[in-house]
Amino acid sequence: MAFDLNKNDGSAPGDSSDKAKGSAKFDLSKKETAAVAGTENSPKPKTWIIGLIGVLIVGGGIWYYSAHTKTADTIEQSTTEAVPLDSVATLKAVTQPRIQSDIVAVDTAITTSTTNQTKATIENEVGDKNTVSLNHKIPVSFRQGSSKFTRIDQALIKRIISYLSKNPATSIQINGYASSEGALAFNQTISQARADAYKKFLVSNNIAESRIVATGKGIENPIASNNSNTGRKKNRRVEIAFP
């Protein structure tokens, strides 16, 4: 757009003043175009700065997030590594007393078992020795033709009763004998009567009858000669035996 600032004084065209007029005119269209162009170009530096700031902000945010995540991972890893140690220590503190208690209990059980086995072994050995020492012993003797005791071995009788009392599962065999004088049938009968008499004696001393077996052997197994009175006295007897 152009404006003519010179007044029209009615001069004829082609006058030299036309040049002056021409020079007095202002072409505002170019300036306007330049102003508009300047206005359009001016935001570019601002946009670049804003973009740079945005890049810096985004980069800073990424860096902060990365650093924070790494720190958190480090802390978590340290915590994770520490937990098993604490767990092991806690587990050890809880289980060790129990283990010690179990060991003590096992040792006690083994000791008790060993003690009981040793005691049982000793008792068995003592019982075996007593059985051997008591077998075929003669606690009482008899008169001729009688089932009454004439000679009594008190010490032996006490040992027999004591052994039977301490071993309630043990049974005893009583064998009655006679000397050779008289009829065989009578000697068999008297030998049984003698065995029964001693069985009755043991029952009277609290030995169960079911544990006692009494058998008459007649004139079998003489321990002395029947040709003498002394020998015949020895043969009138009862002997005990343990199975």
Protein backbone atom coordinates (compact mmCIF):
# COMPACT_ATOMS: atom_id res chain seq x y z
CA MET A 1 0.00 0.00 0.00
CA ALA A 2 1.35 3.47 -1.05
CA PHE A 3 0.34 6.86 0.19
CA ASP A 4 0.89 10.09 -1.69
CA LEU A 5 1.88 12.73 0.82
CA ASN A 6 2.27 15.60 -1.73
CA LYS A 7 -0.60 17.94 -2.28
CA ASN A 8 -2.00 18.23 -5.79
CA ASP A 9 -1.39 21.88 -6.69
CA GLY A 10 -2.78 21.51 -10.14
CA SER A 11 0.55 21.34 -11.90
CA ALA A 12 0.51 19.83 -15.29
CA PRO A 13 1.49 16.25 -15.71
CA GLY A 14 4.94 15.55 -16.70
CA ASP A 15 6.21 18.42 -14.67
CA SER A 16 9.44 17.96 -12.94
CA SER A 17 7.61 18.05 -9.72
CA ASP A 18 6.33 14.55 -10.52
CA LYS A 19 9.67 13.16 -9.64
CA ALA A 20 9.55 14.95 -6.39
CA LYS A 21 6.15 13.54 -5.84
CA GLY A 22 7.36 10.17 -6.63
CA SER A 23 10.00 10.59 -4.04
CA ALA A 24 7.54 11.76 -1.44
CA LYS A 25 5.45 8.63 -1.67
CA PHE A 26 5.77 5.82 0.93
CA ASP A 27 5.24 2.27 -0.06
CA LEU A 28 3.85 0.70 3.15
CA SER A 29 3.15 -2.66 1.56
CA LYS A 30 6.76 -3.67 1.57
CA LYS A 31 7.26 -2.56 5.11
CA GLU A 32 4.16 -4.40 6.17
CA THR A 33 5.38 -7.45 4.41
CA ALA A 34 8.74 -7.11 6.09
CA ALA A 35 7.06 -6.61 9.46
CA VAL A 36 4.93 -9.65 8.93
CA ALA A 37 7.93 -11.64 7.86
CA GLY A 38 9.80 -10.46 10.92
CA THR A 39 6.89 -11.41 13.10
CA GLU A 40 6.78 -14.91 11.60
CA ASN A 41 10.51 -15.43 11.98
CA SER A 42 10.84 -14.09 15.54
CA PRO A 43 9.32 -17.12 17.41
CA LYS A 44 11.94 -19.51 15.98
CA PRO A 45 14.65 -18.66 18.52
CA LYS A 46 12.12 -19.06 21.36
CA THR A 47 10.98 -22.42 20.07
CA TRP A 48 14.57 -23.66 19.90
CA ILE A 49 15.23 -22.55 23.45
CA ILE A 50 12.03 -24.18 24.70
CA GLY A 51 12.95 -27.39 22.88
CA LEU A 52 16.42 -27.33 24.40
CA ILE A 53 14.97 -26.82 27.86
CA GLY A 54 12.53 -29.66 27.26
CA VAL A 55 15.36 -31.94 26.18
CA LEU A 56 17.31 -31.03 29.29
CA ILE A 57 14.30 -31.65 31.51
CA VAL A 58 13.59 -35.01 29.89
CA GLY A 59 17.26 -35.99 30.07
CA GLY A 60 17.46 -34.92 33.69
CA GLY A 61 14.32 -36.89 34.50
CA ILE A 62 15.72 -39.99 32.80
CA TRP A 63 19.00 -39.61 34.68
CA TYR A 64 17.23 -39.13 38.01
CA TYR A 65 14.94 -42.10 37.44
CA SER A 66 17.88 -44.29 36.38
CA ALA A 67 19.97 -43.27 39.39
CA HIS A 68 17.03 -43.72 41.76
CA THR A 69 16.23 -47.16 40.32
CA LYS A 70 19.87 -48.25 40.61
CA THR A 71 20.02 -47.06 44.23
CA ALA A 72 16.78 -48.86 45.03
CA ASP A 73 18.08 -52.05 43.38
CA THR A 74 21.29 -51.77 45.40
CA ILE A 75 19.38 -51.34 48.65
CA GLU A 76 17.02 -54.18 47.77
CA GLN A 77 19.94 -56.43 46.84
CA SER A 78 21.71 -55.60 50.10
CA THR A 79 18.52 -56.29 52.04
CA THR A 80 17.97 -59.54 50.14
CA GLU A 81 21.52 -60.66 50.81
CA ALA A 82 21.19 -59.79 54.48
CA VAL A 83 17.93 -61.64 54.96
CA PRO A 84 19.34 -65.15 54.46
CA LEU A 85 22.08 -64.43 56.99
CA ASP A 86 19.52 -63.24 59.51
CA SER A 87 17.32 -66.21 58.66
CA VAL A 88 20.20 -68.64 59.11
CA ALA A 89 21.11 -67.03 62.42
CA THR A 90 17.49 -67.14 63.57
CA LEU A 91 17.06 -70.73 62.39
CA LYS A 92 20.27 -71.72 64.12
CA ALA A 93 19.20 -70.00 67.33
CA VAL A 94 15.86 -71.81 67.23
CA THR A 95 16.97 -75.25 66.11
CA GLN A 96 20.29 -75.57 67.96
CA PRO A 97 18.67 -75.92 71.43
CA ARG A 98 16.27 -78.48 69.99
CA ILE A 99 19.12 -80.41 68.41
CA GLN A 100 21.06 -80.31 71.66
CA SER A 101 17.95 -81.45 73.53
CA ASP A 102 17.44 -84.31 71.05
CA ILE A 103 21.09 -85.32 71.40
CA VAL A 104 20.79 -85.33 75.19
CA ALA A 105 17.57 -87.35 74.95
CA VAL A 106 19.19 -89.86 72.59
CA ASP A 107 22.28 -90.11 74.80
CA THR A 108 20.06 -90.61 77.84
CA ALA A 109 18.03 -93.27 76.04
CA ILE A 110 21.19 -95.03 74.88
CA THR A 111 22.69 -94.83 78.37
CA THR A 112 19.48 -96.10 79.94
CA SER A 113 19.18 -98.88 77.38
CA THR A 114 22.82 -99.84 77.86
CA THR A 115 22.41 -99.76 81.63
CA ASN A 116 19.29 -101.92 81.45
CA GLN A 117 20.97 -104.35 79.09
CA THR A 118 24.02 -104.50 81.32
CA LYS A 119 21.84 -104.99 84.36
CA ALA A 120 19.85 -107.70 82.62
CA THR A 121 23.07 -109.36 81.48
CA ILE A 122 24.48 -109.28 84.99
CA GLU A 123 21.25 -110.64 86.42
CA ASN A 124 21.20 -113.40 83.82
CA GLU A 125 24.79 -114.27 84.55
CA VAL A 126 24.12 -114.27 88.28
CA GLY A 127 20.98 -116.32 87.68
CA ASP A 128 22.89 -118.80 85.56
CA LYS A 129 25.59 -119.09 88.19
CA ASN A 130 22.98 -119.57 90.91
CA THR A 131 21.24 -122.17 88.79
CA VAL A 132 24.47 -124.06 88.24
CA SER A 133 25.42 -123.79 91.89
CA LEU A 134 21.99 -124.98 93.07
CA ASN A 135 21.49 -127.80 90.62
CA HIS A 136 21.51 -131.32 92.14
CA LYS A 137 21.92 -129.97 95.66
CA ILE A 138 20.38 -131.89 98.57
CA PRO A 139 18.41 -129.65 100.93
CA VAL A 140 16.96 -132.44 103.16
CA SER A 141 17.43 -136.13 104.08
CA PHE A 142 15.01 -138.72 105.54
CA ARG A 143 14.73 -141.64 107.93
CA GLN A 144 14.22 -145.13 106.59
CA GLY A 145 10.65 -145.60 105.30
CA SER A 146 9.69 -141.97 106.21
CA SER A 147 8.92 -138.72 104.40
CA LYS A 148 9.81 -136.50 107.36
CA PHE A 149 12.96 -134.41 107.22
CA THR A 150 15.82 -135.59 109.42
CA ARG A 151 18.65 -133.41 108.16
CA ILE A 152 17.94 -129.90 106.84
CA ASP A 153 20.48 -127.68 105.09
CA GLN A 154 19.11 -124.30 106.22
CA ALA A 155 21.58 -122.18 104.21
CA LEU A 156 20.78 -124.07 101.02
CA ILE A 157 17.04 -123.81 101.61
CA LYS A 158 17.33 -120.02 102.04
CA ARG A 159 19.26 -119.73 98.78
CA ILE A 160 16.65 -121.79 96.94
CA ILE A 161 13.72 -119.74 98.25
CA SER A 162 15.55 -116.45 97.55
CA TYR A 163 16.36 -117.46 94.00
CA LEU A 164 12.79 -118.55 93.27
CA SER A 165 11.42 -115.32 94.78
CA LYS A 166 13.69 -113.12 92.62
CA ASN A 167 12.95 -115.13 89.48
CA PRO A 168 9.17 -115.63 89.42
CA ALA A 169 9.24 -117.16 85.95
CA THR A 170 11.64 -119.89 87.00
CA SER A 171 10.35 -123.35 87.84
CA ILE A 172 12.02 -125.97 89.99
CA GLN A 173 12.28 -129.72 89.69
CA ILE A 174 12.25 -131.81 92.90
CA ASN A 175 13.44 -135.41 92.64
CA GLY A 176 12.81 -137.80 95.54
CA TYR A 177 15.05 -140.87 96.15
CA ALA A 178 15.10 -144.00 98.33
CA SER A 179 17.72 -146.47 99.44
CA SER A 180 17.73 -149.99 98.06
CA GLU A 181 16.38 -151.89 101.10
CA GLY A 182 12.75 -152.95 100.86
CA ALA A 183 10.54 -153.63 97.89
CA LEU A 184 10.98 -151.61 94.72
CA ALA A 185 7.30 -150.56 94.69
CA PHE A 186 7.57 -149.28 98.24
CA ASN A 187 10.80 -147.44 97.50
CA GLN A 188 9.12 -145.80 94.47
CA THR A 189 6.17 -144.70 96.61
CA ILE A 190 8.34 -143.35 99.43
CA SER A 191 10.54 -141.45 96.99
CA GLN A 192 7.44 -139.70 95.57
CA ALA A 193 6.20 -138.92 99.09
CA ARG A 194 9.57 -137.33 99.91
CA ALA A 195 9.44 -135.15 96.76
CA ASP A 196 5.89 -134.08 97.59
CA ALA A 197 6.90 -133.25 101.17
CA TYR A 198 9.58 -130.84 100.01
CA LYS A 199 7.22 -129.33 97.45
CA LYS A 200 4.75 -128.64 100.24
CA PHE A 201 7.50 -126.99 102.21
CA LEU A 202 8.33 -124.60 99.33
CA VAL A 203 4.64 -123.77 98.85
CA SER A 204 4.46 -122.84 102.53
CA ASN A 205 7.26 -120.35 101.81
CA ASN A 206 5.22 -118.53 99.13
CA ILE A 207 6.51 -120.38 96.09
CA ALA A 208 3.66 -121.04 93.66
CA GLU A 209 2.73 -124.71 93.40
CA SER A 210 2.49 -124.39 89.61
CA ARG A 211 6.21 -123.66 89.50
CA ILE A 212 7.16 -126.88 91.29
CA VAL A 213 7.41 -130.32 89.71
CA ALA A 214 7.86 -133.20 92.20
CA THR A 215 8.91 -136.62 90.90
CA GLY A 216 9.75 -139.88 92.74
CA LYS A 217 12.82 -141.59 91.27
CA GLY A 218 12.87 -144.70 93.50
CA ILE A 219 16.35 -146.17 94.01
CA GLU A 220 17.81 -144.55 90.89
CA ASN A 221 21.00 -142.50 90.89
CA PRO A 222 22.46 -143.48 94.27
CA ILE A 223 25.15 -141.06 95.51
CA ALA A 224 26.61 -143.60 97.92
CA SER A 225 26.82 -147.37 98.31
CA ASN A 226 23.66 -149.11 99.53
CA ASN A 227 25.83 -151.79 101.14
CA SER A 228 26.44 -149.63 104.21
CA ASN A 229 24.14 -147.86 106.62
CA THR A 230 25.98 -144.59 106.04
CA GLY A 231 25.58 -144.91 102.30
CA ARG A 232 21.90 -145.78 102.55
CA LYS A 233 21.29 -142.67 104.74
CA LYS A 234 22.78 -140.51 102.00
CA ASN A 235 20.58 -142.09 99.36
CA ARG A 236 17.35 -141.23 101.23
CA ARG A 237 17.09 -137.67 99.92
CA VAL A 238 15.60 -135.06 97.60
CA GLU A 239 17.58 -133.19 94.98
CA ILE A 240 16.61 -130.00 93.24
CA ALA A 241 17.22 -129.04 89.61
CA PHE A 242 16.41 -126.03 87.45
CA PRO A 243 15.44 -126.44 83.80
